């Protein structure tokens, strides 16, 4: 029997609720990591080990909140329940689960301390016009999704 939870009824390939490849939880999570790093983590003045531990805790909590909000917004705005953790032992409502919180913290640490330095170098090579084009495509994708769903 086919599951209807992730059934794609759009003629376009989708990832999540938008028609394009962007998923709400990962987009909001990425923005959260960038903002937390810029406004909180960068201000912590301590040795690197303690800073990583503090970063892990902050990221884990923040991304659990982002996961909850993203799940709620997907259901509220698009009428799509992308995930549901009610069958997990340590769920917090439908949209977040204690089992995954350490994973989000670990992913954020990897992004911040390993991937971000390389990504920053690559981003400096991308012309501003390409950034504006990507923003336009993402905006159109969001508008089309809101109109067609």
Protein backbone atom coordinates (compact mmCIF):
# COMPACT_ATOMS: atom_id res chain seq x y z
CA UNK A 1 0.00 0.00 0.00
CA UNK A 2 1.38 3.41 -0.99
CA UNK A 3 1.91 6.00 1.75
CA UNK A 4 0.10 9.30 1.20
CA UNK A 5 2.31 11.21 3.65
CA UNK A 6 4.90 12.13 1.01
CA UNK A 7 2.78 11.62 -2.11
CA UNK A 8 3.78 14.00 -4.87
CA UNK A 9 0.74 15.34 -6.74
CA UNK A 10 2.64 18.09 -8.56
CA UNK A 11 3.91 17.55 -12.11
CA UNK A 12 7.20 19.15 -10.99
CA UNK A 13 9.78 17.31 -8.90
CA UNK A 14 9.44 18.37 -5.27
CA UNK A 15 11.45 18.22 -2.10
CA UNK A 16 9.25 18.97 0.82
CA UNK A 17 6.44 21.42 0.26
CA UNK A 18 7.96 23.72 -2.37
CA UNK A 19 7.99 22.81 -6.05
CA UNK A 20 11.77 23.13 -6.22
CA UNK A 21 14.54 21.36 -4.31
CA UNK A 22 14.40 23.52 -1.17
CA UNK A 23 13.01 22.02 2.05
CA UNK A 24 11.61 24.40 4.66
CA UNK A 25 13.26 22.78 7.70
CA UNK A 26 16.73 22.74 6.12
CA UNK A 27 16.41 26.31 4.85
CA UNK A 28 15.30 27.65 8.22
CA UNK A 29 17.89 25.46 9.96
CA UNK A 30 20.65 26.87 7.75
CA UNK A 31 19.53 30.42 8.45
CA UNK A 32 19.41 29.65 12.18
CA UNK A 33 22.96 28.24 12.12
CA UNK A 34 24.27 31.33 10.29
CA UNK A 35 22.53 33.77 12.66
CA UNK A 36 23.48 31.89 15.82
CA UNK A 37 27.09 31.67 14.66
CA UNK A 38 27.24 35.36 13.79
CA UNK A 39 25.44 36.82 16.80
CA UNK A 40 26.06 34.32 19.61
CA UNK A 41 28.85 31.81 18.97
CA UNK A 42 31.30 34.38 17.58
CA UNK A 43 30.93 36.41 20.80
CA UNK A 44 31.91 33.51 23.10
CA UNK A 45 35.44 34.08 24.37
CA UNK A 46 36.78 30.85 25.85
CA UNK A 47 39.00 27.97 24.82
CA UNK A 48 38.01 26.07 21.68
CA UNK A 49 36.82 22.88 23.44
CA UNK A 50 34.44 24.76 25.75
CA UNK A 51 33.25 26.89 22.84
CA UNK A 52 32.42 23.77 20.80
CA UNK A 53 30.51 22.25 23.74
CA UNK A 54 28.53 25.47 24.28
CA UNK A 55 27.93 25.74 20.52
CA UNK A 56 26.65 22.16 20.41
CA UNK A 57 24.12 22.84 23.18
CA UNK A 58 22.90 26.11 21.65
CA UNK A 59 22.63 24.65 18.15
CA UNK A 60 20.89 21.47 19.34
CA UNK A 61 18.20 23.41 21.20
CA UNK A 62 17.75 26.02 18.48
CA UNK A 63 17.49 23.45 15.69
CA UNK A 64 14.99 21.37 17.66
CA UNK A 65 12.88 24.51 17.89
CA UNK A 66 13.34 25.14 14.15
CA UNK A 67 12.29 21.55 13.43
CA UNK A 68 9.14 21.99 15.52
CA UNK A 69 8.26 25.35 13.94
CA UNK A 70 8.96 24.04 10.41
CA UNK A 71 6.76 21.00 10.94
CA UNK A 72 3.99 23.16 12.33
CA UNK A 73 4.26 25.71 9.48
CA UNK A 74 4.24 22.97 6.80
CA UNK A 75 0.98 21.69 8.24
CA UNK A 76 -0.52 25.14 8.85
CA UNK A 77 0.43 26.82 5.56
CA UNK A 78 0.59 23.93 3.08
CA UNK A 79 -1.61 21.32 4.77
CA UNK A 80 1.27 18.82 4.54
CA UNK A 81 2.59 16.83 7.47
CA UNK A 82 6.21 16.22 6.40
CA UNK A 83 7.07 14.16 9.49
CA UNK A 84 5.36 12.97 12.63
CA UNK A 85 7.29 11.68 15.65
CA UNK A 86 4.28 10.68 17.75
CA UNK A 87 5.34 7.02 17.47
CA UNK A 88 8.78 7.79 18.95
CA UNK A 89 9.32 7.22 22.67
CA UNK A 90 10.74 10.67 23.40
CA UNK A 91 8.69 12.85 21.05
CA UNK A 92 7.82 16.43 21.92
CA UNK A 93 4.54 16.87 20.11
CA UNK A 94 4.41 15.70 16.53
CA UNK A 95 7.29 17.63 15.07
CA UNK A 96 10.37 17.15 17.22
CA UNK A 97 11.93 14.32 19.17
CA UNK A 98 14.63 14.15 21.84
CA UNK A 99 16.37 11.35 19.91
CA UNK A 100 17.23 13.73 17.06
CA UNK A 101 18.33 16.77 19.06
CA UNK A 102 21.97 15.56 19.43
CA UNK A 103 22.07 14.86 15.70
CA UNK A 104 21.04 18.45 14.89
CA UNK A 105 23.73 19.76 17.27
CA UNK A 106 26.37 17.53 15.66
CA UNK A 107 25.38 18.56 12.13
CA UNK A 108 25.55 22.24 13.11
CA UNK A 109 29.02 21.77 14.64
CA UNK A 110 30.24 20.06 11.45
CA UNK A 111 28.76 22.85 9.32
CA UNK A 112 30.16 25.65 11.50
CA UNK A 113 33.65 24.38 12.21
CA UNK A 114 34.43 22.21 9.16
CA UNK A 115 32.27 23.13 6.16
CA UNK A 116 31.70 26.86 6.69
CA UNK A 117 35.33 27.94 6.17
CA UNK A 118 35.36 26.22 2.76
CA UNK A 119 31.88 27.44 1.82
CA UNK A 120 32.84 31.04 2.70
CA UNK A 121 35.75 30.87 0.23
CA UNK A 122 33.48 29.53 -2.51
CA UNK A 123 30.76 32.11 -1.84
CA UNK A 124 33.25 34.94 -2.32
CA UNK A 125 33.75 33.70 -5.90
CA UNK A 126 30.04 33.83 -6.79
CA UNK A 127 29.00 37.08 -8.48
CA UNK A 128 26.26 39.12 -6.80
CA UNK A 129 24.09 38.75 -9.89
CA UNK A 130 24.00 34.97 -9.39
CA UNK A 131 22.86 35.52 -5.80
CA UNK A 132 20.05 37.78 -7.00
CA UNK A 133 19.05 35.21 -9.62
CA UNK A 134 18.91 32.45 -7.01
CA UNK A 135 16.84 34.67 -4.70
CA UNK A 136 14.45 35.40 -7.58
CA UNK A 137 14.08 31.68 -8.39
CA UNK A 138 13.48 30.82 -4.72
CA UNK A 139 10.90 33.61 -4.42
CA UNK A 140 9.09 32.45 -7.57
CA UNK A 141 9.13 28.87 -6.29
CA UNK A 142 7.56 29.99 -3.02
CA UNK A 143 4.90 32.09 -4.77
CA UNK A 144 4.05 29.32 -7.25
CA UNK A 145 3.81 26.81 -4.41
CA UNK A 146 1.50 29.05 -2.38
CA UNK A 147 -0.74 29.60 -5.42
CA UNK A 148 -0.88 25.97 -6.58
CA UNK A 149 -1.16 24.11 -3.26
